[in-house]
Protein backbone atom coordinates (compact mmCIF):
# COMPACT_ATOMS: atom_id res chain seq x y z
CA MET A 1 -22.64 201.46 -219.58
CA LEU A 2 -24.54 200.10 -216.60
CA PRO A 3 -25.44 196.42 -216.93
CA THR A 4 -29.12 195.80 -217.60
CA ASP A 5 -29.64 193.94 -214.34
CA PHE A 6 -28.30 196.92 -212.42
CA VAL A 7 -30.92 199.37 -213.68
CA PRO A 8 -33.86 198.15 -211.52
CA THR A 9 -31.70 198.39 -208.38
CA LEU A 10 -30.53 201.85 -209.35
CA LEU A 11 -34.02 203.15 -209.95
CA THR A 12 -35.27 201.98 -206.57
CA LEU A 13 -33.17 204.77 -205.02
CA PRO A 14 -35.71 207.51 -204.18
CA ALA A 15 -33.60 210.29 -205.68
CA LEU A 16 -33.62 208.56 -209.07
CA ALA A 17 -37.10 207.02 -209.10
CA GLY A 18 -39.22 208.47 -211.88
CA LEU A 19 -36.37 209.89 -213.94
CA PRO A 20 -37.62 211.07 -217.35
CA PRO A 21 -36.45 208.89 -220.26
CA ARG A 22 -33.72 211.31 -221.37
CA LEU A 23 -32.04 211.44 -217.96
CA ARG A 24 -32.57 207.73 -217.48
CA ASP A 25 -30.77 207.06 -220.75
CA LEU A 26 -27.87 209.26 -219.63
CA MET A 27 -27.63 207.31 -216.39
CA GLN A 28 -27.61 204.07 -218.37
CA THR A 29 -24.79 205.17 -220.68
CA GLN A 30 -22.61 207.35 -218.41
CA ALA A 31 -22.90 206.10 -214.82
CA GLN A 32 -20.70 203.21 -213.70
CA PRO A 33 -21.46 200.44 -211.20
CA LEU A 34 -19.30 200.61 -208.09
CA ARG A 35 -18.21 197.65 -206.00
CA LEU A 36 -15.47 197.76 -203.39
CA ALA A 37 -14.28 195.19 -200.86
CA ALA A 38 -14.22 195.98 -197.15
CA GLY A 39 -11.07 197.82 -196.13
CA LYS A 40 -10.36 199.23 -199.59
CA THR A 41 -9.91 202.97 -200.09
CA LEU A 42 -12.43 204.72 -202.35
CA PHE A 43 -10.69 208.12 -202.22
CA ASP A 44 -7.82 209.68 -200.30
CA VAL A 45 -6.48 213.08 -199.28
CA GLY A 46 -5.35 215.09 -202.29
CA ALA A 47 -7.10 212.86 -204.83
CA PRO A 48 -9.24 214.56 -207.50
CA CYS A 49 -12.99 214.12 -207.24
CA ALA A 50 -14.47 212.92 -210.51
CA ALA A 51 -17.77 211.29 -209.56
CA PHE A 52 -20.66 211.34 -207.12
CA VAL A 53 -21.24 208.00 -205.39
CA MET A 54 -24.63 206.64 -204.39
CA LEU A 55 -24.59 203.47 -202.30
CA ASP A 56 -27.22 200.77 -202.35
CA ARG A 57 -25.34 198.48 -199.96
CA GLY A 58 -22.67 198.79 -197.29
CA SER A 59 -21.03 201.57 -195.28
CA LEU A 60 -18.31 204.06 -196.17
CA ARG A 61 -16.11 205.62 -193.44
CA ILE A 62 -14.98 209.21 -193.96
CA THR A 63 -11.88 209.93 -191.88
CA LYS A 64 -9.32 212.73 -191.52
CA PRO A 65 -5.79 211.30 -191.27
CA ALA A 66 -2.86 213.04 -189.59
CA PRO A 67 0.81 212.89 -190.66
CA SER A 68 1.46 210.77 -187.57
CA GLY A 69 -0.77 208.04 -188.97
CA ARG A 70 -3.63 208.71 -186.56
CA GLU A 71 -7.04 209.49 -187.95
CA ILE A 72 -10.42 210.60 -186.67
CA LEU A 73 -13.82 209.48 -187.93
CA LEU A 74 -15.80 212.36 -189.39
CA TYR A 75 -18.96 210.48 -190.44
CA ARG A 76 -20.25 207.42 -192.24
CA VAL A 77 -22.14 207.20 -195.52
CA ARG A 78 -24.78 204.49 -195.86
CA PRO A 79 -27.42 203.74 -198.51
CA GLY A 80 -29.80 206.66 -198.90
CA GLU A 81 -27.22 209.20 -197.66
CA THR A 82 -24.81 211.59 -199.35
CA CYS A 83 -21.14 212.34 -198.78
CA ILE A 84 -21.05 216.10 -198.28
CA LEU A 85 -17.29 216.14 -198.81
CA THR A 86 -17.74 214.67 -202.30
CA VAL A 87 -20.48 217.19 -203.07
CA ALA A 88 -18.27 220.07 -201.90
CA CYS A 89 -15.35 218.82 -204.00
CA LEU A 90 -17.51 218.42 -207.10
CA VAL A 91 -19.11 221.84 -206.74
CA SER A 92 -15.83 223.63 -206.02
CA ASP A 93 -13.67 221.50 -208.35
CA SER A 94 -11.25 220.79 -205.50
CA ALA A 95 -9.38 217.72 -204.28
CA TYR A 96 -10.44 215.56 -201.37
CA SER A 97 -9.31 216.66 -197.90
CA ALA A 98 -10.23 213.38 -196.18
CA ARG A 99 -10.23 209.64 -196.81
CA GLY A 100 -13.12 207.37 -197.75
CA THR A 101 -12.74 203.70 -196.86
CA ALA A 102 -15.19 200.86 -197.33
CA GLU A 103 -16.14 199.78 -193.81
CA THR A 104 -17.97 196.80 -195.27
CA GLU A 105 -18.24 195.59 -198.83
CA ILE A 106 -20.04 198.37 -200.69
CA SER A 107 -21.90 198.61 -203.96
CA GLY A 108 -23.62 201.45 -205.71
CA VAL A 109 -23.20 203.74 -208.68
CA ALA A 110 -20.63 206.40 -209.60
CA ILE A 111 -22.13 209.37 -211.44
CA PRO A 112 -19.55 211.43 -213.40
CA ARG A 113 -19.24 215.14 -212.65
CA ALA A 114 -20.97 216.39 -215.80
CA LEU A 115 -23.99 214.15 -215.28
CA PHE A 116 -24.06 214.99 -211.57
CA THR A 117 -24.29 218.69 -212.44
CA GLN A 118 -27.01 218.03 -215.02
CA LEU A 119 -29.07 216.04 -212.53
CA LEU A 120 -28.73 218.84 -209.98
CA ASP A 121 -29.99 221.33 -212.54
CA GLU A 122 -32.80 219.28 -214.04
CA TRP A 123 -34.13 216.80 -211.48
CA PRO A 124 -35.56 218.34 -208.26
CA ALA A 125 -35.71 215.02 -206.39
CA PHE A 126 -32.01 214.44 -206.95
CA ARG A 127 -31.16 218.02 -205.92
CA GLU A 128 -33.17 217.66 -202.72
CA PHE A 129 -31.49 214.33 -201.98
CA VAL A 130 -28.00 215.77 -202.42
CA PHE A 131 -28.53 218.77 -200.17
CA ALA A 132 -30.89 217.26 -197.61
CA PHE A 133 -28.01 215.85 -195.56
CA PHE A 134 -25.94 219.02 -195.42
CA ALA A 135 -27.60 220.42 -192.30
CA ASP A 136 -27.47 217.07 -190.50
CA ARG A 137 -23.83 216.47 -191.45
CA ILE A 138 -22.78 219.95 -190.39
CA THR A 139 -24.52 219.39 -187.06
CA GLU A 140 -22.66 216.08 -186.67
CA LEU A 141 -19.32 217.73 -187.42
CA MET A 142 -20.04 220.53 -184.93
CA GLN A 143 -20.81 217.90 -182.30
CA LEU A 144 -17.54 216.16 -183.16
CA ILE A 145 -15.61 219.40 -182.65
CA GLU A 146 -17.39 219.92 -179.34
CA GLU A 147 -16.56 216.38 -178.19
CA VAL A 148 -12.89 216.66 -179.08
CA ALA A 149 -12.58 220.08 -177.50
CA PHE A 150 -14.67 219.70 -174.35
CA ARG A 151 -15.14 216.01 -173.47
CA THR A 152 -12.59 213.70 -171.87
CA LEU A 153 -11.30 210.73 -173.82
CA ASN A 154 -12.95 208.35 -171.32
CA GLU A 155 -16.30 209.96 -172.07
CA ARG A 156 -15.75 209.77 -175.83
CA VAL A 157 -14.74 206.10 -175.70
CA ALA A 158 -17.83 205.26 -173.64
CA SER A 159 -20.19 207.12 -176.00
CA ALA A 160 -18.52 205.53 -179.05
CA LEU A 161 -19.16 202.07 -177.62
CA LEU A 162 -22.78 202.92 -176.91
CA ALA A 163 -23.27 204.00 -180.53
CA HIS A 164 -22.56 200.45 -181.75
CA CYS A 165 -24.82 197.44 -181.74
CA GLU A 166 -24.13 194.86 -179.05
CA PRO A 167 -21.89 193.00 -178.84
CA VAL A 168 -19.51 195.65 -180.18
CA ILE A 169 -17.49 193.98 -182.93
CA ILE A 170 -14.50 196.31 -183.18
CA THR A 171 -10.75 196.30 -182.69
CA HIS A 172 -9.04 198.64 -180.25
CA GLN A 173 -7.32 200.31 -183.22
CA ARG A 174 -10.60 200.98 -185.00
CA LEU A 175 -12.13 202.35 -181.81
CA ALA A 176 -9.09 204.60 -181.38
CA ASP A 177 -9.59 205.87 -184.94
CA GLU A 178 -13.21 206.70 -184.17
CA VAL A 179 -12.33 208.87 -181.17
CA GLY A 180 -9.14 210.35 -182.64
CA SER A 181 -6.69 208.75 -180.23
CA VAL A 182 -4.08 205.98 -180.25
CA ARG A 183 -4.66 202.29 -179.62
CA GLU A 184 -2.54 202.09 -176.46
CA VAL A 185 -4.51 204.83 -174.70
CA VAL A 186 -7.88 203.41 -175.75
CA SER A 187 -6.84 199.92 -174.64
CA ARG A 188 -5.95 201.32 -171.21
CA ILE A 189 -9.36 203.00 -170.91
CA LEU A 190 -11.14 199.81 -171.96
CA LYS A 191 -9.26 197.83 -169.34
CA GLU A 192 -10.29 200.41 -166.73
CA PHE A 193 -13.93 200.01 -167.80
CA GLU A 194 -13.53 196.23 -167.60
CA ALA A 195 -12.08 196.46 -164.09
CA GLN A 196 -15.11 198.56 -163.09
CA GLY A 197 -17.44 195.85 -164.38
CA LEU A 198 -18.84 197.97 -167.23
CA LEU A 199 -17.79 195.62 -170.01
CA ARG A 200 -15.93 192.44 -170.89
CA LEU A 201 -13.16 192.38 -173.46
CA GLU A 202 -12.59 189.66 -176.02
CA ARG A 203 -10.38 189.68 -179.08
CA GLY A 204 -12.11 191.89 -181.64
CA CYS A 205 -15.26 192.07 -179.51
CA ILE A 206 -16.52 194.08 -176.53
CA HIS A 207 -19.50 192.97 -174.41
CA ILE A 208 -21.30 195.75 -172.54
CA LEU A 209 -22.24 194.41 -169.10
CA ASP A 210 -23.67 197.53 -167.43
CA ARG A 211 -25.14 199.88 -170.03
CA GLU A 212 -26.55 202.33 -167.47
CA ARG A 213 -23.21 202.87 -165.76
CA LEU A 214 -21.46 203.14 -169.13
CA MET A 215 -23.95 205.86 -170.10
CA ARG A 216 -23.09 207.71 -166.90
CA ALA A 217 -19.42 207.40 -167.81
CA ALA A 218 -20.18 208.82 -171.27
CA TRP A 219 -22.28 211.76 -170.06
CA PRO A 220 -21.46 212.40 -166.37
CA HIS A 221 -22.82 215.94 -166.52
CA GLU A 222 -26.07 215.10 -168.33
CA PRO A 223 -28.16 212.90 -166.02
CA SER A 224 -31.15 213.07 -168.38
CA ARG A 225 -29.20 210.98 -170.90
CA THR A 226 -29.07 208.03 -168.52
CA ARG A 227 -32.76 207.87 -167.76
């Protein structure tokens, strides 16, 4: 059962605000609070999917690992968003095909499969919340395929840096995971960018010195992006 002090936080989530008493009682008795430290794995490839997770704090990284140990970032899940992989697994009763790792400390609620299905059937706001992100996520994944297939690694590294807040607090290994490469290659590209005066490297931190030129490096064939 959810602790009493967790209920107000739970019901501030738009998809659950205004639940009728019967569904609210089911949430109270069946859903479980979720808390996970940064770096911990929430689910992995081949694991069964038993619950739908809604975050109220933190960020979850969804990655596709390779047998070699490399992985590529598919997308992130933050508060107010859904994990379309989890939805697909719950609907199709299939195992996970990717990994979910807490990028920061996360908290939220885990809704068991039976209750998830009931909420989909009976509460329109929850149903709209679950499926609202499908189109956006599919578009993101199509863009990822396009980047991997048609853009150089230098361009992908530059655009990945630009997607972060400055200064970019990230290790070379984590950046390599984001672009689907290996740390040694990404480190070489970063050193090239540093030699060109685009950025300055520190341990675990990257300072962007010339954002305009870095944007040109990210999208050399799209001048409108740099304006």
